Amino acid sequence: RIVTGLGEVQQRHGRDAVAVFGGGGLTNEKAYALGKF
């Protein structure tokens, strides 16, 4: 459901139509991976 939904949204509205919102409690590894992702 996630991957299909992301693909459909970006196909219709462009890459910036998907956003990511993180948290100040995530480990350094997760914060880094989230930014890279």
PDB file of all heavy atoms in Angstrom:
ATOM      1  N   ARG A   1       0.832  -1.209   0.000  1.00  0.00           N
ATOM      2  CA  ARG A   1       0.000   0.000   0.000  1.00  0.00           C
ATOM      3  C   ARG A   1       0.865   1.256   0.000  1.00  0.00           C
ATOM      4  O   ARG A   1       0.571   2.237  -0.700  1.00  0.00           O
ATOM      5  CB  ARG A   1      -0.913  -0.004   1.229  1.00  0.00           C
ATOM      6  CG  ARG A   1      -1.722   1.279   1.414  1.00  0.00           C
ATOM      7  CD  ARG A   1      -2.810   1.413   0.374  1.00  0.00           C
ATOM      8  NE  ARG A   1      -3.575   2.631   0.550  1.00  0.00           N
ATOM      9  CZ  ARG A   1      -3.293   3.802  -0.032  1.00  0.00           C
ATOM     10  NH1 ARG A   1      -2.239   3.899  -0.838  1.00  0.00           N
ATOM     11  NH2 ARG A   1      -4.039   4.858   0.180  1.00  0.00           N
ATOM     12  N   ILE A   2       1.965   1.234   0.756  1.00  0.00           N
ATOM     13  CA  ILE A   2       2.847   2.398   0.834  1.00  0.00           C
ATOM     14  C   ILE A   2       3.529   2.656  -0.501  1.00  0.00           C
ATOM     15  O   ILE A   2       3.482   3.769  -1.037  1.00  0.00           O
ATOM     16  CB  ILE A   2       3.901   2.196   1.940  1.00  0.00           C
ATOM     17  CG1 ILE A   2       3.233   2.184   3.316  1.00  0.00           C
ATOM     18  CG2 ILE A   2       4.960   3.297   1.886  1.00  0.00           C
ATOM     19  CD1 ILE A   2       4.146   1.718   4.426  1.00  0.00           C
ATOM     20  N   VAL A   3       4.146   1.645  -1.039  1.00  0.00           N
ATOM     21  CA  VAL A   3       4.931   1.828  -2.256  1.00  0.00           C
ATOM     22  C   VAL A   3       4.024   2.164  -3.441  1.00  0.00           C
ATOM     23  O   VAL A   3       4.345   3.036  -4.258  1.00  0.00           O
ATOM     24  CB  VAL A   3       5.780   0.565  -2.536  1.00  0.00           C
ATOM     25  CG1 VAL A   3       6.501   0.696  -3.861  1.00  0.00           C
ATOM     26  CG2 VAL A   3       6.788   0.372  -1.401  1.00  0.00           C
ATOM     27  N   THR A   4       2.890   1.501  -3.527  1.00  0.00           N
ATOM     28  CA  THR A   4       1.937   1.824  -4.591  1.00  0.00           C
ATOM     29  C   THR A   4       1.446   3.259  -4.454  1.00  0.00           C
ATOM     30  O   THR A   4       1.385   4.013  -5.428  1.00  0.00           O
ATOM     31  CB  THR A   4       0.746   0.857  -4.561  1.00  0.00           C
ATOM     32  OG1 THR A   4       1.213  -0.478  -4.749  1.00  0.00           O
ATOM     33  CG2 THR A   4      -0.260   1.198  -5.644  1.00  0.00           C
ATOM     34  N   GLY A   5       1.111   3.640  -3.227  1.00  0.00           N
ATOM     35  CA  GLY A   5       0.621   4.995  -2.996  1.00  0.00           C
ATOM     36  C   GLY A   5       1.654   6.058  -3.287  1.00  0.00           C
ATOM     37  O   GLY A   5       1.349   7.098  -3.893  1.00  0.00           O
ATOM     38  N   LEU A   6       2.902   5.840  -2.874  1.00  0.00           N
ATOM     39  CA  LEU A   6       3.965   6.800  -3.154  1.00  0.00           C
ATOM     40  C   LEU A   6       4.169   6.951  -4.659  1.00  0.00           C
ATOM     41  O   LEU A   6       4.331   8.069  -5.175  1.00  0.00           O
ATOM     42  CB  LEU A   6       5.270   6.357  -2.495  1.00  0.00           C
ATOM     43  CG  LEU A   6       5.307   6.349  -0.962  1.00  0.00           C
ATOM     44  CD1 LEU A   6       6.644   5.803  -0.472  1.00  0.00           C
ATOM     45  CD2 LEU A   6       5.071   7.737  -0.398  1.00  0.00           C
ATOM     46  N   GLY A   7       4.164   5.823  -5.354  1.00  0.00           N
ATOM     47  CA  GLY A   7       4.353   5.873  -6.800  1.00  0.00           C
ATOM     48  C   GLY A   7       3.246   6.634  -7.502  1.00  0.00           C
ATOM     49  O   GLY A   7       3.494   7.449  -8.403  1.00  0.00           O
ATOM     50  N   GLU A   8       2.005   6.379  -7.088  1.00  0.00           N
ATOM     51  CA  GLU A   8       0.879   7.067  -7.719  1.00  0.00           C
ATOM     52  C   GLU A   8       0.921   8.565  -7.451  1.00  0.00           C
ATOM     53  O   GLU A   8       0.673   9.384  -8.354  1.00  0.00           O
ATOM     54  CB  GLU A   8      -0.432   6.475  -7.198  1.00  0.00           C
ATOM     55  CG  GLU A   8      -0.691   5.049  -7.666  1.00  0.00           C
ATOM     56  CD  GLU A   8      -1.931   4.448  -7.028  1.00  0.00           C
ATOM     57  OE1 GLU A   8      -2.476   5.077  -6.085  1.00  0.00           O
ATOM     58  OE2 GLU A   8      -2.353   3.356  -7.459  1.00  0.00           O
ATOM     59  N   VAL A   9       1.238   8.953  -6.228  1.00  0.00           N
ATOM     60  CA  VAL A   9       1.287  10.381  -5.885  1.00  0.00           C
ATOM     61  C   VAL A   9       2.383  11.084  -6.670  1.00  0.00           C
ATOM     62  O   VAL A   9       2.167  12.166  -7.244  1.00  0.00           O
ATOM     63  CB  VAL A   9       1.494  10.554  -4.365  1.00  0.00           C
ATOM     64  CG1 VAL A   9       1.903  11.987  -4.037  1.00  0.00           C
ATOM     65  CG2 VAL A   9       0.226  10.195  -3.615  1.00  0.00           C
ATOM     66  N   GLN A  10       3.567  10.494  -6.725  1.00  0.00           N
ATOM     67  CA  GLN A  10       4.659  11.159  -7.437  1.00  0.00           C
ATOM     68  C   GLN A  10       4.435  11.159  -8.946  1.00  0.00           C
ATOM     69  O   GLN A  10       4.837  12.097  -9.627  1.00  0.00           O
ATOM     70  CB  GLN A  10       5.996  10.507  -7.077  1.00  0.00           C
ATOM     71  CG  GLN A  10       6.427  10.820  -5.645  1.00  0.00           C
ATOM     72  CD  GLN A  10       7.870  10.457  -5.363  1.00  0.00           C
ATOM     73  OE1 GLN A  10       8.334   9.393  -5.762  1.00  0.00           O
ATOM     74  NE2 GLN A  10       8.575  11.336  -4.668  1.00  0.00           N
ATOM     75  N   GLN A  11       3.785  10.146  -9.454  1.00  0.00           N
ATOM     76  CA  GLN A  11       3.498  10.128 -10.890  1.00  0.00           C
ATOM     77  C   GLN A  11       2.514  11.230 -11.262  1.00  0.00           C
ATOM     78  O   GLN A  11       2.654  11.891 -12.303  1.00  0.00           O
ATOM     79  CB  GLN A  11       2.942   8.759 -11.293  1.00  0.00           C
ATOM     80  CG  GLN A  11       2.722   8.620 -12.805  1.00  0.00           C
ATOM     81  CD  GLN A  11       2.281   7.217 -13.188  1.00  0.00           C
ATOM     82  OE1 GLN A  11       1.903   6.425 -12.335  1.00  0.00           O
ATOM     83  NE2 GLN A  11       2.348   6.909 -14.469  1.00  0.00           N
ATOM     84  N   ARG A  12       1.530  11.476 -10.396  1.00  0.00           N
ATOM     85  CA  ARG A  12       0.514  12.488 -10.696  1.00  0.00           C
ATOM     86  C   ARG A  12       0.986  13.908 -10.379  1.00  0.00           C
ATOM     87  O   ARG A  12       0.658  14.847 -11.098  1.00  0.00           O
ATOM     88  CB  ARG A  12      -0.765  12.211  -9.897  1.00  0.00           C
ATOM     89  CG  ARG A  12      -1.544  11.001 -10.353  1.00  0.00           C
ATOM     90  CD  ARG A  12      -2.975  11.045  -9.814  1.00  0.00           C
ATOM     91  NE  ARG A  12      -3.011  11.208  -8.356  1.00  0.00           N
ATOM     92  CZ  ARG A  12      -3.082  10.196  -7.501  1.00  0.00           C
ATOM     93  NH1 ARG A  12      -3.094   8.951  -7.958  1.00  0.00           N
ATOM     94  NH2 ARG A  12      -3.138  10.418  -6.204  1.00  0.00           N
ATOM     95  N   HIS A  13       1.768  14.059  -9.294  1.00  0.00           N
ATOM     96  CA  HIS A  13       2.036  15.400  -8.780  1.00  0.00           C
ATOM     97  C   HIS A  13       3.517  15.765  -8.720  1.00  0.00           C
ATOM     98  O   HIS A  13       3.840  16.900  -8.363  1.00  0.00           O
ATOM     99  CB  HIS A  13       1.435  15.547  -7.376  1.00  0.00           C
ATOM    100  CG  HIS A  13      -0.041  15.264  -7.307  1.00  0.00           C
ATOM    101  ND1 HIS A  13      -0.983  16.129  -7.805  1.00  0.00           N
ATOM    102  CD2 HIS A  13      -0.724  14.200  -6.809  1.00  0.00           C
ATOM    103  CE1 HIS A  13      -2.201  15.631  -7.602  1.00  0.00           C
ATOM    104  NE2 HIS A  13      -2.067  14.454  -6.999  1.00  0.00           N
ATOM    105  N   GLY A  14       4.409  14.851  -9.051  1.00  0.00           N
ATOM    106  CA  GLY A  14       5.831  15.153  -9.006  1.00  0.00           C
ATOM    107  C   GLY A  14       6.496  14.653  -7.741  1.00  0.00           C
ATOM    108  O   GLY A  14       5.847  14.269  -6.774  1.00  0.00           O
ATOM    109  N   ARG A  15       7.830  14.666  -7.749  1.00  0.00           N
ATOM    110  CA  ARG A  15       8.596  14.092  -6.633  1.00  0.00           C
ATOM    111  C   ARG A  15       8.305  14.783  -5.306  1.00  0.00           C
ATOM    112  O   ARG A  15       8.237  14.148  -4.259  1.00  0.00           O
ATOM    113  CB  ARG A  15      10.089  14.174  -6.932  1.00  0.00           C
ATOM    114  CG  ARG A  15      10.540  13.306  -8.094  1.00  0.00           C
ATOM    115  CD  ARG A  15      12.019  13.517  -8.343  1.00  0.00           C
ATOM    116  NE  ARG A  15      12.435  12.842  -9.563  1.00  0.00           N
ATOM    117  CZ  ARG A  15      13.314  13.332 -10.421  1.00  0.00           C
ATOM    118  NH1 ARG A  15      13.866  14.511 -10.187  1.00  0.00           N
ATOM    119  NH2 ARG A  15      13.650  12.661 -11.497  1.00  0.00           N
ATOM    120  N   ASP A  16       8.156  16.128  -5.324  1.00  0.00           N
ATOM    121  CA  ASP A  16       7.967  16.856  -4.077  1.00  0.00           C
ATOM    122  C   ASP A  16       6.569  16.700  -3.507  1.00  0.00           C
ATOM    123  O   ASP A  16       6.254  17.302  -2.471  1.00  0.00           O
ATOM    124  CB  ASP A  16       8.265  18.341  -4.291  1.00  0.00           C
ATOM    125  CG  ASP A  16       9.750  18.606  -4.517  1.00  0.00           C
ATOM    126  OD1 ASP A  16      10.562  17.754  -4.103  1.00  0.00           O
ATOM    127  OD2 ASP A  16      10.089  19.654  -5.098  1.00  0.00           O
ATOM    128  N   ALA A  17       5.734  15.903  -4.152  1.00  0.00           N
ATOM    129  CA  ALA A  17       4.402  15.627  -3.612  1.00  0.00           C
ATOM    130  C   ALA A  17       4.449  14.627  -2.463  1.00  0.00           C
ATOM    131  O   ALA A  17       3.433  14.372  -1.816  1.00  0.00           O
ATOM    132  CB  ALA A  17       3.477  15.109  -4.709  1.00  0.00           C
ATOM    133  N   VAL A  18       5.629  14.056  -2.197  1.00  0.00           N
ATOM    134  CA  VAL A  18       5.831  13.172  -1.048  1.00  0.00           C
ATOM    135  C   VAL A  18       6.722  13.887  -0.042  1.00  0.00           C
ATOM    136  O   VAL A  18       7.720  14.520  -0.417  1.00  0.00           O
ATOM    137  CB  VAL A  18       6.471  11.837  -1.474  1.00  0.00           C
ATOM    138  CG1 VAL A  18       6.839  11.001  -0.257  1.00  0.00           C
ATOM    139  CG2 VAL A  18       5.517  11.060  -2.373  1.00  0.00           C
ATOM    140  N   ALA A  19       6.383  13.802   1.231  1.00  0.00           N
ATOM    141  CA  ALA A  19       7.156  14.454   2.289  1.00  0.00           C
ATOM    142  C   ALA A  19       7.457  13.458   3.399  1.00  0.00           C
ATOM    143  O   ALA A  19       6.778  12.436   3.550  1.00  0.00           O
ATOM    144  CB  ALA A  19       6.389  15.652   2.849  1.00  0.00           C
ATOM    145  N   VAL A  20       8.494  13.792   4.174  1.00  0.00           N
ATOM    146  CA  VAL A  20       8.912  12.968   5.311  1.00  0.00           C
ATOM    147  C   VAL A  20       9.008  13.876   6.532  1.00  0.00           C
ATOM    148  O   VAL A  20       9.536  14.983   6.451  1.00  0.00           O
ATOM    149  CB  VAL A  20      10.276  12.300   5.040  1.00  0.00           C
ATOM    150  CG1 VAL A  20      10.734  11.498   6.259  1.00  0.00           C
ATOM    151  CG2 VAL A  20      10.201  11.406   3.808  1.00  0.00           C
ATOM    152  N   PHE A  21       8.483  13.405   7.662  1.00  0.00           N
ATOM    153  CA  PHE A  21       8.530  14.177   8.909  1.00  0.00           C
ATOM    154  C   PHE A  21       9.118  13.299   9.998  1.00  0.00           C
ATOM    155  O   PHE A  21       8.588  12.230  10.305  1.00  0.00           O
ATOM    156  CB  PHE A  21       7.129  14.643   9.299  1.00  0.00           C
ATOM    157  CG  PHE A  21       7.122  15.774  10.294  1.00  0.00           C
ATOM    158  CD1 PHE A  21       7.412  17.064   9.888  1.00  0.00           C
ATOM    159  CD2 PHE A  21       6.836  15.550  11.631  1.00  0.00           C
ATOM    160  CE1 PHE A  21       7.407  18.127  10.797  1.00  0.00           C
ATOM    161  CE2 PHE A  21       6.828  16.592  12.548  1.00  0.00           C
ATOM    162  CZ  PHE A  21       7.113  17.891  12.131  1.00  0.00           C
ATOM    163  N   GLY A  22      10.252  13.725  10.544  1.00  0.00           N
ATOM    164  CA  GLY A  22      10.974  12.925  11.528  1.00  0.00           C
ATOM    165  C   GLY A  22      10.824  13.455  12.937  1.00  0.00           C
ATOM    166  O   GLY A  22       9.964  14.285  13.239  1.00  0.00           O
ATOM    167  N   GLY A  23      11.715  12.984  13.822  1.00  0.00           N
ATOM    168  CA  GLY A  23      11.602  13.334  15.234  1.00  0.00           C
ATOM    169  C   GLY A  23      12.940  13.501  15.916  1.00  0.00           C
ATOM    170  O   GLY A  23      13.938  12.881  15.534  1.00  0.00           O
ATOM    171  N   GLY A  24      12.962  14.325  16.945  1.00  0.00           N
ATOM    172  CA  GLY A  24      14.169  14.575  17.721  1.00  0.00           C
ATOM    173  C   GLY A  24      14.520  13.476  18.696  1.00  0.00           C
ATOM    174  O   GLY A  24      15.509  13.578  19.416  1.00  0.00           O
ATOM    175  N   GLY A  25      13.719  12.410  18.733  1.00  0.00           N
ATOM    176  CA  GLY A  25      14.047  11.268  19.571  1.00  0.00           C
ATOM    177  C   GLY A  25      14.662  10.121  18.795  1.00  0.00           C
ATOM    178  O   GLY A  25      15.072   9.116  19.390  1.00  0.00           O
ATOM    179  N   LEU A  26      14.727  10.237  17.465  1.00  0.00           N
ATOM    180  CA  LEU A  26      15.321   9.180  16.657  1.00  0.00           C
ATOM    181  C   LEU A  26      16.832   9.138  16.857  1.00  0.00           C
ATOM    182  O   LEU A  26      17.473  10.168  17.064  1.00  0.00           O
ATOM    183  CB  LEU A  26      15.015   9.419  15.176  1.00  0.00           C
ATOM    184  CG  LEU A  26      13.543   9.483  14.764  1.00  0.00           C
ATOM    185  CD1 LEU A  26      13.423   9.745  13.267  1.00  0.00           C
ATOM    186  CD2 LEU A  26      12.803   8.203  15.147  1.00  0.00           C
ATOM    187  N   THR A  27      17.415   7.949  16.767  1.00  0.00           N
ATOM    188  CA  THR A  27      18.871   7.830  16.894  1.00  0.00           C
ATOM    189  C   THR A  27      19.561   8.557  15.743  1.00  0.00           C
ATOM    190  O   THR A  27      18.942   8.885  14.723  1.00  0.00           O
ATOM    191  CB  THR A  27      19.298   6.355  16.867  1.00  0.00           C
ATOM    192  OG1 THR A  27      18.947   5.797  15.591  1.00  0.00           O
ATOM    193  CG2 THR A  27      18.654   5.570  17.992  1.00  0.00           C
ATOM    194  N   ASN A  28      20.856   8.798  15.896  1.00  0.00           N
ATOM    195  CA  ASN A  28      21.627   9.411  14.815  1.00  0.00           C
ATOM    196  C   ASN A  28      21.533   8.587  13.539  1.00  0.00           C
ATOM    197  O   ASN A  28      21.433   9.142  12.438  1.00  0.00           O
ATOM    198  CB  ASN A  28      23.092   9.546  15.232  1.00  0.00           C
ATOM    199  CG  ASN A  28      23.296  10.595  16.296  1.00  0.00           C
ATOM    200  OD1 ASN A  28      22.687  11.652  16.269  1.00  0.00           O
ATOM    201  ND2 ASN A  28      24.159  10.292  17.269  1.00  0.00           N
ATOM    202  N   GLU A  29      21.578   7.278  13.690  1.00  0.00           N
ATOM    203  CA  GLU A  29      21.527   6.405  12.519  1.00  0.00           C
ATOM    204  C   GLU A  29      20.195   6.562  11.782  1.00  0.00           C
ATOM    205  O   GLU A  29      20.146   6.615  10.548  1.00  0.00           O
ATOM    206  CB  GLU A  29      21.731   4.944  12.938  1.00  0.00           C
ATOM    207  CG  GLU A  29      23.125   4.614  13.448  1.00  0.00           C
ATOM    208  CD  GLU A  29      23.371   5.064  14.888  1.00  0.00           C
ATOM    209  OE1 GLU A  29      22.409   5.511  15.568  1.00  0.00           O
ATOM    210  OE2 GLU A  29      24.515   4.962  15.350  1.00  0.00           O
ATOM    211  N   LYS A  30      19.107   6.639  12.538  1.00  0.00           N
ATOM    212  CA  LYS A  30      17.795   6.770  11.904  1.00  0.00           C
ATOM    213  C   LYS A  30      17.603   8.160  11.306  1.00  0.00           C
ATOM    214  O   LYS A  30      17.021   8.301  10.221  1.00  0.00           O
ATOM    215  CB  LYS A  30      16.702   6.436  12.912  1.00  0.00           C
ATOM    216  CG  LYS A  30      16.687   4.959  13.280  1.00  0.00           C
ATOM    217  CD  LYS A  30      15.453   4.556  14.046  1.00  0.00           C
ATOM    218  CE  LYS A  30      15.465   4.979  15.476  1.00  0.00           C
ATOM    219  NZ  LYS A  30      14.357   4.396  16.258  1.00  0.00           N
ATOM    220  N   ALA A  31      18.073   9.194  11.999  1.00  0.00           N
ATOM    221  CA  ALA A  31      17.969  10.552  11.453  1.00  0.00           C
ATOM    222  C   ALA A  31      18.748  10.659  10.142  1.00  0.00           C
ATOM    223  O   ALA A  31      18.277  11.251   9.167  1.00  0.00           O
ATOM    224  CB  ALA A  31      18.492  11.562  12.472  1.00  0.00           C
ATOM    225  N   TYR A  32      19.948  10.088  10.129  1.00  0.00           N
ATOM    226  CA  TYR A  32      20.770  10.092   8.912  1.00  0.00           C
ATOM    227  C   TYR A  32      20.079   9.322   7.789  1.00  0.00           C
ATOM    228  O   TYR A  32      19.977   9.796   6.650  1.00  0.00           O
ATOM    229  CB  TYR A  32      22.130   9.468   9.224  1.00  0.00           C
ATOM    230  CG  TYR A  32      22.989   9.206   8.001  1.00  0.00           C
ATOM    231  CD1 TYR A  32      23.744  10.232   7.441  1.00  0.00           C
ATOM    232  CD2 TYR A  32      23.040   7.942   7.419  1.00  0.00           C
ATOM    233  CE1 TYR A  32      24.533   9.994   6.313  1.00  0.00           C
ATOM    234  CE2 TYR A  32      23.818   7.700   6.304  1.00  0.00           C
ATOM    235  CZ  TYR A  32      24.564   8.727   5.755  1.00  0.00           C
ATOM    236  OH  TYR A  32      25.338   8.497   4.641  1.00  0.00           O
ATOM    237  N   ALA A  33      19.593   8.123   8.106  1.00  0.00           N
ATOM    238  CA  ALA A  33      18.950   7.295   7.085  1.00  0.00           C
ATOM    239  C   ALA A  33      17.684   7.948   6.554  1.00  0.00           C
ATOM    240  O   ALA A  33      17.378   7.860   5.361  1.00  0.00           O
ATOM    241  CB  ALA A  33      18.623   5.915   7.660  1.00  0.00           C
ATOM    242  N   LEU A  34      16.940   8.630   7.428  1.00  0.00           N
ATOM    243  CA  LEU A  34      15.711   9.278   6.995  1.00  0.00           C
ATOM    244  C   LEU A  34      16.009  10.407   6.004  1.00  0.00           C
ATOM    245  O   LEU A  34      15.320  10.552   4.988  1.00  0.00           O
ATOM    246  CB  LEU A  34      14.972   9.819   8.215  1.00  0.00           C
ATOM    247  CG  LEU A  34      13.450   9.938   8.122  1.00  0.00           C
ATOM    248  CD1 LEU A  34      12.824   8.583   7.863  1.00  0.00           C
ATOM    249  CD2 LEU A  34      12.901  10.543   9.403  1.00  0.00           C
ATOM    250  N   GLY A  35      17.052  11.203   6.310  1.00  0.00           N
ATOM    251  CA  GLY A  35      17.428  12.263   5.386  1.00  0.00           C
ATOM    252  C   GLY A  35      17.894  11.732   4.048  1.00  0.00           C
ATOM    253  O   GLY A  35      17.549  12.270   2.989  1.00  0.00           O
ATOM    254  N   LYS A  36      18.675  10.671   4.086  1.00  0.00           N
ATOM    255  CA  LYS A  36      19.148  10.073   2.837  1.00  0.00           C
ATOM    256  C   LYS A  36      17.990   9.432   2.068  1.00  0.00           C
ATOM    257  O   LYS A  36      17.891   9.560   0.839  1.00  0.00           O
ATOM    258  CB  LYS A  36      20.226   9.032   3.135  1.00  0.00           C
ATOM    259  CG  LYS A  36      20.827   8.401   1.875  1.00  0.00           C
ATOM    260  CD  LYS A  36      21.917   7.395   2.228  1.00  0.00           C
ATOM    261  CE  LYS A  36      22.486   6.750   0.962  1.00  0.00           C
ATOM    262  NZ  LYS A  36      23.470   5.696   1.273  1.00  0.00           N
ATOM    263  N   PHE A  37      17.109   8.771   2.784  1.00  0.00           N
ATOM    264  CA  PHE A  37      15.949   8.134   2.153  1.00  0.00           C
ATOM    265  C   PHE A  37      15.097   9.165   1.414  1.00  0.00           C
ATOM    266  O   PHE A  37      14.682   8.947   0.271  1.00  0.00           O
ATOM    267  CB  PHE A  37      15.124   7.433   3.228  1.00  0.00           C
ATOM    268  CG  PHE A  37      13.852   6.813   2.735  1.00  0.00           C
ATOM    269  CD1 PHE A  37      13.855   5.578   2.115  1.00  0.00           C
ATOM    270  CD2 PHE A  37      12.644   7.473   2.914  1.00  0.00           C
ATOM    271  CE1 PHE A  37      12.677   5.004   1.660  1.00  0.00           C
ATOM    272  CE2 PHE A  37      11.458   6.905   2.461  1.00  0.00           C
ATOM    273  CZ  PHE A  37      11.471   5.671   1.832  1.00  0.00           C
TER     274      PHE A  37
END
